[in-house]
């Protein structure tokens, strides 16, 4: 947007908000009388203002102020050091994640390659049942053989 258009938009907004001095308001009204494009732009701006005024009030979230403050501080920090901190910290974060994943993968591979010991294969018996290697009672029916 050009500086003249930007100034015109600011003047229109100030005119609608009744913030212009009397002589500035009179000069602006004279401009509106001579410029149909400016009149139509002012009417469009009036419609937008009335639509926005008709919207319901929305309350900001409780942590809105803290989030905005953090963003402002980050941008100021980024602007002060030229972004060097962000350029350095991101690769270290990525490298840290890769190292952690590699260590976890190596640990899992080592655990899977270990042969189970005889102690690890023994099953616990449930109370009230016979162990697997115990002979079946004589009065029990024989298992069905396929």
N, C-alpha and C. Protein backbone atom coordinates (compact mmCIF):
# COMPACT_ATOMS: atom_id res chain seq x y z
N UNK A 1 0.85 -1.16 0.00
CA UNK A 1 0.00 0.00 0.00
C UNK A 1 0.89 1.22 0.00
N UNK A 2 0.54 2.21 -0.80
CA UNK A 2 1.35 3.41 -0.88
C UNK A 2 1.13 4.29 0.34
N UNK A 3 2.04 5.24 0.55
CA UNK A 3 1.94 6.12 1.71
C UNK A 3 0.68 6.98 1.64
N UNK A 4 0.31 7.42 0.44
CA UNK A 4 -0.89 8.25 0.29
C UNK A 4 -2.15 7.46 0.63
N UNK A 5 -2.23 6.22 0.16
CA UNK A 5 -3.38 5.37 0.47
C UNK A 5 -3.44 5.07 1.95
N UNK A 6 -2.25 4.80 2.56
CA UNK A 6 -2.18 4.50 3.97
C UNK A 6 -2.65 5.70 4.78
N UNK A 7 -2.21 6.89 4.41
CA UNK A 7 -2.63 8.11 5.10
C UNK A 7 -4.12 8.33 4.92
N UNK A 8 -4.66 8.07 3.73
CA UNK A 8 -6.09 8.21 3.48
C UNK A 8 -6.90 7.26 4.32
N UNK A 9 -6.44 6.02 4.45
CA UNK A 9 -7.15 5.04 5.27
C UNK A 9 -7.12 5.45 6.74
N UNK A 10 -5.98 5.98 7.19
CA UNK A 10 -5.90 6.45 8.57
C UNK A 10 -6.83 7.62 8.80
N UNK A 11 -6.91 8.52 7.82
CA UNK A 11 -7.81 9.68 7.95
C UNK A 11 -9.27 9.23 7.97
N UNK A 12 -9.61 8.25 7.13
CA UNK A 12 -10.99 7.74 7.12
C UNK A 12 -11.34 7.12 8.46
N UNK A 13 -10.42 6.34 8.99
CA UNK A 13 -10.66 5.71 10.28
C UNK A 13 -10.79 6.76 11.38
N UNK A 14 -9.94 7.76 11.35
CA UNK A 14 -10.02 8.83 12.34
C UNK A 14 -11.32 9.62 12.16
N UNK A 15 -11.76 9.82 10.93
CA UNK A 15 -13.01 10.53 10.66
C UNK A 15 -14.20 9.76 11.23
N UNK A 16 -14.22 8.45 11.00
CA UNK A 16 -15.32 7.62 11.53
C UNK A 16 -15.32 7.58 13.05
N UNK A 17 -14.15 7.65 13.64
CA UNK A 17 -14.04 7.62 15.11
C UNK A 17 -14.18 9.02 15.71
N UNK A 18 -14.41 10.04 14.87
CA UNK A 18 -14.54 11.45 15.30
C UNK A 18 -13.30 11.92 16.03
N UNK A 19 -12.15 11.53 15.52
CA UNK A 19 -10.88 11.93 16.12
C UNK A 19 -10.19 13.05 15.37
N UNK A 20 -10.76 13.48 14.24
CA UNK A 20 -10.15 14.56 13.46
C UNK A 20 -10.52 15.90 14.08
N UNK A 21 -9.59 16.84 13.96
CA UNK A 21 -9.88 18.21 14.39
C UNK A 21 -10.94 18.79 13.44
N UNK A 22 -11.60 19.85 13.86
CA UNK A 22 -12.69 20.42 13.07
C UNK A 22 -12.25 20.81 11.66
N UNK A 23 -11.10 21.48 11.55
CA UNK A 23 -10.66 21.90 10.22
C UNK A 23 -10.24 20.69 9.36
N UNK A 24 -9.65 19.66 10.00
CA UNK A 24 -9.29 18.45 9.24
C UNK A 24 -10.55 17.71 8.79
N UNK A 25 -11.55 17.66 9.66
CA UNK A 25 -12.81 16.99 9.31
C UNK A 25 -13.49 17.71 8.16
N UNK A 26 -13.48 19.05 8.20
CA UNK A 26 -14.10 19.83 7.12
C UNK A 26 -13.36 19.61 5.80
N UNK A 27 -12.03 19.56 5.86
CA UNK A 27 -11.24 19.32 4.65
C UNK A 27 -11.50 17.92 4.11
N UNK A 28 -11.66 16.97 5.02
CA UNK A 28 -11.92 15.59 4.59
C UNK A 28 -13.31 15.48 3.97
N UNK A 29 -14.30 16.16 4.55
CA UNK A 29 -15.65 16.13 3.98
C UNK A 29 -15.66 16.78 2.60
N UNK A 30 -14.89 17.81 2.41
CA UNK A 30 -14.79 18.46 1.10
C UNK A 30 -14.17 17.49 0.09
N UNK A 31 -13.16 16.75 0.55
CA UNK A 31 -12.53 15.75 -0.32
C UNK A 31 -13.54 14.68 -0.70
N UNK A 32 -14.37 14.26 0.26
CA UNK A 32 -15.38 13.26 -0.01
C UNK A 32 -16.41 13.77 -1.03
N UNK A 33 -16.73 15.05 -0.94
CA UNK A 33 -17.71 15.64 -1.88
C UNK A 33 -17.17 15.64 -3.30
N UNK A 34 -15.87 15.77 -3.46
CA UNK A 34 -15.26 15.85 -4.79
C UNK A 34 -14.79 14.49 -5.33
N UNK A 35 -14.67 13.48 -4.46
CA UNK A 35 -14.09 12.20 -4.89
C UNK A 35 -15.08 11.06 -4.62
N UNK A 36 -15.78 10.57 -5.67
CA UNK A 36 -16.74 9.47 -5.45
C UNK A 36 -16.07 8.16 -5.01
N UNK A 37 -14.83 7.94 -5.43
CA UNK A 37 -14.11 6.72 -5.02
C UNK A 37 -13.85 6.73 -3.52
N UNK A 38 -13.47 7.90 -2.98
CA UNK A 38 -13.23 8.03 -1.55
C UNK A 38 -14.53 7.84 -0.79
N UNK A 39 -15.66 8.35 -1.34
CA UNK A 39 -16.97 8.18 -0.69
C UNK A 39 -17.33 6.71 -0.59
N UNK A 40 -17.14 5.98 -1.70
CA UNK A 40 -17.48 4.56 -1.69
C UNK A 40 -16.57 3.78 -0.73
N UNK A 41 -15.31 4.17 -0.67
CA UNK A 41 -14.38 3.52 0.26
C UNK A 41 -14.78 3.79 1.70
N UNK A 42 -15.23 5.03 1.98
CA UNK A 42 -15.68 5.39 3.32
C UNK A 42 -16.94 4.60 3.69
N UNK A 43 -17.85 4.44 2.75
CA UNK A 43 -19.07 3.67 3.01
C UNK A 43 -18.74 2.20 3.27
N UNK A 44 -17.79 1.66 2.52
CA UNK A 44 -17.37 0.27 2.75
C UNK A 44 -16.75 0.14 4.14
N UNK A 45 -15.95 1.12 4.53
CA UNK A 45 -15.33 1.09 5.85
C UNK A 45 -16.39 1.22 6.94
N UNK A 46 -17.42 2.04 6.70
CA UNK A 46 -18.53 2.17 7.67
C UNK A 46 -19.23 0.83 7.86
N UNK A 47 -19.48 0.11 6.74
CA UNK A 47 -20.14 -1.19 6.82
C UNK A 47 -19.29 -2.18 7.63
N UNK A 48 -18.00 -2.17 7.38
CA UNK A 48 -17.10 -3.09 8.11
C UNK A 48 -17.12 -2.76 9.59
N UNK A 49 -17.06 -1.46 9.92
CA UNK A 49 -17.06 -1.05 11.33
C UNK A 49 -18.37 -1.46 11.99
N UNK A 50 -19.50 -1.30 11.30
CA UNK A 50 -20.78 -1.67 11.90
C UNK A 50 -20.89 -3.19 12.06
N UNK A 51 -20.36 -3.95 11.11
CA UNK A 51 -20.38 -5.41 11.24
C UNK A 51 -19.51 -5.87 12.41
N UNK A 52 -18.35 -5.28 12.53
CA UNK A 52 -17.45 -5.65 13.63
C UNK A 52 -18.05 -5.25 14.96
N UNK A 53 -18.71 -4.10 15.01
CA UNK A 53 -19.33 -3.65 16.26
C UNK A 53 -20.45 -4.58 16.67
N UNK A 54 -21.09 -5.24 15.72
CA UNK A 54 -22.18 -6.15 16.02
C UNK A 54 -21.73 -7.53 16.49
N UNK A 55 -20.46 -7.81 16.41
CA UNK A 55 -19.95 -9.11 16.85
C UNK A 55 -19.99 -9.21 18.36
N UNK A 56 -20.21 -10.42 18.89
CA UNK A 56 -20.22 -10.58 20.35
C UNK A 56 -18.81 -10.42 20.93
N UNK A 57 -18.76 -9.98 22.17
CA UNK A 57 -17.49 -9.84 22.86
C UNK A 57 -16.92 -11.23 23.15
N UNK A 58 -15.64 -11.39 22.94
CA UNK A 58 -14.98 -12.67 23.19
C UNK A 58 -13.92 -12.44 24.25
N UNK A 59 -13.92 -13.31 25.25
CA UNK A 59 -12.93 -13.18 26.31
C UNK A 59 -11.66 -13.92 25.92
N UNK A 60 -10.54 -13.30 26.17
CA UNK A 60 -9.25 -13.93 25.86
C UNK A 60 -9.01 -15.10 26.80
N UNK A 61 -8.31 -16.13 26.33
CA UNK A 61 -7.99 -17.26 27.21
C UNK A 61 -7.15 -16.80 28.40
N UNK A 62 -7.18 -17.54 29.50
CA UNK A 62 -6.45 -17.11 30.70
C UNK A 62 -4.95 -16.97 30.49
N UNK A 63 -4.35 -17.78 29.64
CA UNK A 63 -2.90 -17.73 29.45
C UNK A 63 -2.50 -16.89 28.25
N UNK A 64 -3.40 -16.09 27.73
CA UNK A 64 -3.13 -15.28 26.55
C UNK A 64 -1.98 -14.30 26.79
N UNK A 65 -2.00 -13.62 27.91
CA UNK A 65 -0.98 -12.62 28.20
C UNK A 65 0.41 -13.27 28.28
N UNK A 66 0.50 -14.41 28.95
CA UNK A 66 1.80 -15.08 29.07
C UNK A 66 2.32 -15.53 27.71
N UNK A 67 1.43 -16.07 26.87
CA UNK A 67 1.87 -16.53 25.55
C UNK A 67 2.35 -15.38 24.69
N UNK A 68 1.63 -14.27 24.73
CA UNK A 68 2.03 -13.11 23.94
C UNK A 68 3.36 -12.56 24.46
N UNK A 69 3.51 -12.51 25.78
CA UNK A 69 4.76 -12.02 26.36
C UNK A 69 5.94 -12.90 25.95
N UNK A 70 5.75 -14.21 25.96
CA UNK A 70 6.83 -15.12 25.56
C UNK A 70 7.21 -14.91 24.09
N UNK A 71 6.20 -14.73 23.25
CA UNK A 71 6.50 -14.51 21.83
C UNK A 71 7.26 -13.22 21.63
N UNK A 72 6.85 -12.18 22.34
CA UNK A 72 7.53 -10.89 22.21
C UNK A 72 8.98 -11.03 22.68
N UNK A 73 9.19 -11.69 23.81
CA UNK A 73 10.57 -11.86 24.31
C UNK A 73 11.40 -12.67 23.33
N UNK A 74 10.82 -13.74 22.76
CA UNK A 74 11.57 -14.55 21.80
C UNK A 74 11.96 -13.73 20.57
N UNK A 75 11.01 -12.95 20.08
CA UNK A 75 11.31 -12.13 18.90
C UNK A 75 12.37 -11.08 19.21
N UNK A 76 12.29 -10.50 20.40
CA UNK A 76 13.30 -9.51 20.78
C UNK A 76 14.66 -10.18 20.92
N UNK A 77 14.70 -11.35 21.54
CA UNK A 77 15.96 -12.08 21.68
C UNK A 77 16.51 -12.46 20.31
N UNK A 78 15.62 -12.92 19.44
CA UNK A 78 16.03 -13.30 18.10
C UNK A 78 16.58 -12.10 17.35
N UNK A 79 15.96 -10.94 17.52
CA UNK A 79 16.41 -9.74 16.83
C UNK A 79 17.73 -9.22 17.42
N UNK A 80 17.91 -9.37 18.74
CA UNK A 80 19.12 -8.86 19.38
C UNK A 80 20.35 -9.65 18.97
N UNK A 81 20.26 -10.98 18.97
CA UNK A 81 21.45 -11.77 18.65
C UNK A 81 21.49 -12.18 17.18
N UNK A 82 20.61 -11.63 16.40
CA UNK A 82 20.63 -11.91 14.97
C UNK A 82 20.17 -13.31 14.63
N UNK A 83 19.50 -13.98 15.55
CA UNK A 83 19.00 -15.32 15.29
C UNK A 83 20.04 -16.40 15.45
N UNK A 84 21.22 -16.06 15.96
CA UNK A 84 22.28 -17.06 16.10
C UNK A 84 21.89 -18.15 17.08
N UNK A 85 21.20 -17.77 18.15
CA UNK A 85 20.79 -18.75 19.15
C UNK A 85 19.85 -19.78 18.53
N UNK A 86 18.89 -19.33 17.77
CA UNK A 86 17.94 -20.25 17.14
C UNK A 86 18.63 -21.12 16.10
N UNK A 87 19.56 -20.54 15.37
CA UNK A 87 20.26 -21.31 14.34
C UNK A 87 21.15 -22.38 14.95
N UNK A 88 21.66 -22.13 16.15
CA UNK A 88 22.52 -23.10 16.81
C UNK A 88 21.71 -24.14 17.57
N UNK A 89 20.66 -23.70 18.27
CA UNK A 89 19.92 -24.61 19.15
C UNK A 89 19.12 -25.66 18.38
N UNK A 90 18.58 -25.34 17.23
CA UNK A 90 17.78 -26.30 16.49
C UNK A 90 18.60 -27.53 16.07
N UNK A 91 19.78 -27.39 15.50
CA UNK A 91 20.55 -28.59 15.16
C UNK A 91 20.90 -29.44 16.38
N UNK A 92 21.17 -28.80 17.53
CA UNK A 92 21.47 -29.57 18.73
C UNK A 92 20.25 -30.34 19.21
N UNK A 93 19.08 -29.75 19.06
CA UNK A 93 17.86 -30.45 19.46
C UNK A 93 17.64 -31.67 18.57
N UNK A 94 17.82 -31.51 17.28
CA UNK A 94 17.64 -32.62 16.35
C UNK A 94 18.68 -33.70 16.62
N UNK A 95 19.93 -33.30 16.84
CA UNK A 95 20.99 -34.26 17.13
C UNK A 95 20.69 -35.02 18.42
N UNK A 96 20.19 -34.34 19.42
CA UNK A 96 19.85 -35.00 20.69
C UNK A 96 18.78 -36.06 20.49
N UNK A 97 17.77 -35.75 19.71
CA UNK A 97 16.70 -36.72 19.45
C UNK A 97 17.26 -37.92 18.71
N UNK A 98 18.13 -37.70 17.74
CA UNK A 98 18.71 -38.82 16.98
C UNK A 98 19.56 -39.71 17.89
N UNK A 99 20.35 -39.11 18.76
CA UNK A 99 21.19 -39.89 19.67
C UNK A 99 20.32 -40.71 20.62
N UNK A 100 19.27 -40.11 21.15
CA UNK A 100 18.38 -40.84 22.07
C UNK A 100 17.72 -42.02 21.35
N UNK A 101 17.26 -41.81 20.13
CA UNK A 101 16.64 -42.90 19.38
C UNK A 101 17.65 -44.00 19.06
N UNK A 102 18.88 -43.64 18.73
CA UNK A 102 19.91 -44.64 18.43
C UNK A 102 20.24 -45.46 19.66
N UNK A 103 20.37 -44.82 20.81
CA UNK A 103 20.66 -45.55 22.05
C UNK A 103 19.52 -46.48 22.39
N UNK A 104 18.29 -46.01 22.24
CA UNK A 104 17.13 -46.86 22.53
C UNK A 104 17.08 -48.06 21.58
N UNK A 105 17.37 -47.86 20.30
CA UNK A 105 17.37 -48.96 19.34
C UNK A 105 18.47 -49.98 19.67
N UNK A 106 19.67 -49.50 20.00
CA UNK A 106 20.75 -50.42 20.36
C UNK A 106 20.41 -51.21 21.62
N UNK A 107 19.80 -50.57 22.59
CA UNK A 107 19.41 -51.26 23.82
C UNK A 107 18.39 -52.35 23.51
N UNK A 108 17.40 -52.04 22.68
CA UNK A 108 16.39 -53.04 22.35
C UNK A 108 16.99 -54.20 21.57
N UNK A 109 17.92 -53.90 20.66
CA UNK A 109 18.57 -54.97 19.91
C UNK A 109 19.38 -55.87 20.84
N UNK A 110 20.07 -55.29 21.81
CA UNK A 110 20.85 -56.08 22.76
C UNK A 110 19.94 -56.97 23.60
N UNK A 111 18.78 -56.44 23.98
CA UNK A 111 17.85 -57.23 24.78
C UNK A 111 17.27 -58.38 23.97
N UNK A 112 17.03 -58.16 22.69
CA UNK A 112 16.46 -59.22 21.86
C UNK A 112 17.47 -60.30 21.52
N UNK A 113 18.76 -59.97 21.49
CA UNK A 113 19.78 -60.94 21.14
C UNK A 113 20.18 -61.83 22.31
N UNK A 114 19.86 -61.43 23.52
CA UNK A 114 20.21 -62.26 24.67
C UNK A 114 19.40 -63.54 24.64
N UNK A 115 20.10 -64.68 24.91
CA UNK A 115 19.42 -65.96 24.95
C UNK A 115 18.76 -66.10 26.31
N UNK A 116 17.54 -66.59 26.33
CA UNK A 116 16.86 -66.75 27.63
C UNK A 116 17.53 -67.85 28.44
N UNK A 117 17.65 -67.66 29.71
CA UNK A 117 18.26 -68.65 30.60
C UNK A 117 17.22 -69.66 31.02
N UNK A 118 17.69 -70.75 31.63
CA UNK A 118 16.78 -71.80 32.09
C UNK A 118 15.87 -71.25 33.19
N UNK A 119 16.38 -70.34 34.00
CA UNK A 119 15.54 -69.77 35.05
C UNK A 119 14.41 -68.94 34.47
N UNK A 120 14.70 -68.29 33.38
CA UNK A 120 13.69 -67.45 32.76
C UNK A 120 12.58 -68.25 32.10
N UNK A 121 12.87 -69.54 31.75
CA UNK A 121 11.88 -70.36 31.08
C UNK A 121 10.99 -71.13 32.03
N UNK A 122 11.35 -71.24 33.30
CA UNK A 122 10.52 -71.97 34.26
C UNK A 122 9.23 -71.21 34.48
N UNK A 123 8.17 -72.00 34.53
CA UNK A 123 6.86 -71.39 34.73
C UNK A 123 6.47 -71.52 36.20
N UNK A 124 5.77 -70.53 36.62
CA UNK A 124 5.25 -70.59 37.98
C UNK A 124 3.98 -71.43 37.96
N UNK A 125 3.77 -72.19 39.02
CA UNK A 125 2.53 -72.97 39.10
C UNK A 125 1.48 -72.14 39.80
N UNK A 126 0.29 -72.28 39.30
CA UNK A 126 -0.85 -71.58 39.91
C UNK A 126 -1.31 -72.42 41.08
N UNK A 127 -1.55 -71.78 42.22
CA UNK A 127 -2.00 -72.57 43.38
C UNK A 127 -3.26 -73.36 43.03
N UNK A 128 -3.28 -74.64 43.44
CA UNK A 128 -4.43 -75.50 43.19
C UNK A 128 -4.30 -76.29 41.91
N UNK A 129 -3.21 -76.12 41.16
CA UNK A 129 -3.01 -76.88 39.93
C UNK A 129 -1.71 -77.66 40.06
N UNK A 130 -1.58 -78.70 39.30
CA UNK A 130 -0.38 -79.53 39.32
C UNK A 130 0.65 -78.94 38.37
N UNK A 131 1.95 -79.05 38.70
CA UNK A 131 2.97 -78.57 37.78
C UNK A 131 2.92 -79.36 36.47
N UNK A 132 3.51 -78.80 35.41
CA UNK A 132 3.45 -79.43 34.10
C UNK A 132 4.18 -80.77 34.05
N UNK A 133 5.26 -80.91 34.82
CA UNK A 133 6.03 -82.16 34.76
C UNK A 133 5.50 -83.22 35.73
N UNK A 134 4.46 -82.92 36.48
CA UNK A 134 3.87 -83.90 37.42
C UNK A 134 3.01 -84.88 36.63
N UNK A 135 3.00 -86.17 37.07
CA UNK A 135 2.17 -87.17 36.36
C UNK A 135 0.69 -86.88 36.59
N UNK A 136 -0.11 -87.23 35.60
CA UNK A 136 -1.56 -87.02 35.69
C UNK A 136 -2.12 -88.02 36.69
N UNK A 137 -3.11 -87.63 37.44
CA UNK A 137 -3.72 -88.58 38.39
C UNK A 137 -4.33 -89.76 37.64
N UNK A 138 -4.32 -90.93 38.28
CA UNK A 138 -4.78 -92.15 37.63
C UNK A 138 -6.28 -92.16 37.39
N UNK A 139 -7.03 -91.50 38.24
CA UNK A 139 -8.48 -91.55 38.08
C UNK A 139 -9.01 -90.48 37.10
N UNK A 140 -8.13 -89.67 36.57
CA UNK A 140 -8.55 -88.64 35.63
C UNK A 140 -8.69 -89.22 34.24
N UNK A 141 -9.59 -88.71 33.41
CA UNK A 141 -9.72 -89.23 32.04
C UNK A 141 -8.47 -88.93 31.23
N UNK A 142 -8.20 -89.80 30.31
CA UNK A 142 -7.02 -89.63 29.46
C UNK A 142 -7.29 -88.50 28.45
N UNK A 143 -6.25 -87.76 28.11
CA UNK A 143 -6.45 -86.70 27.11
C UNK A 143 -6.75 -87.30 25.74
N UNK A 144 -7.49 -86.58 24.96
CA UNK A 144 -7.88 -87.04 23.63
C UNK A 144 -6.70 -86.85 22.68
N UNK A 145 -6.38 -87.91 21.98
CA UNK A 145 -5.29 -87.87 21.01
C UNK A 145 -5.88 -87.66 19.62
N UNK A 146 -5.36 -86.76 18.87
CA UNK A 146 -5.92 -86.55 17.52
C UNK A 146 -5.52 -87.63 16.56
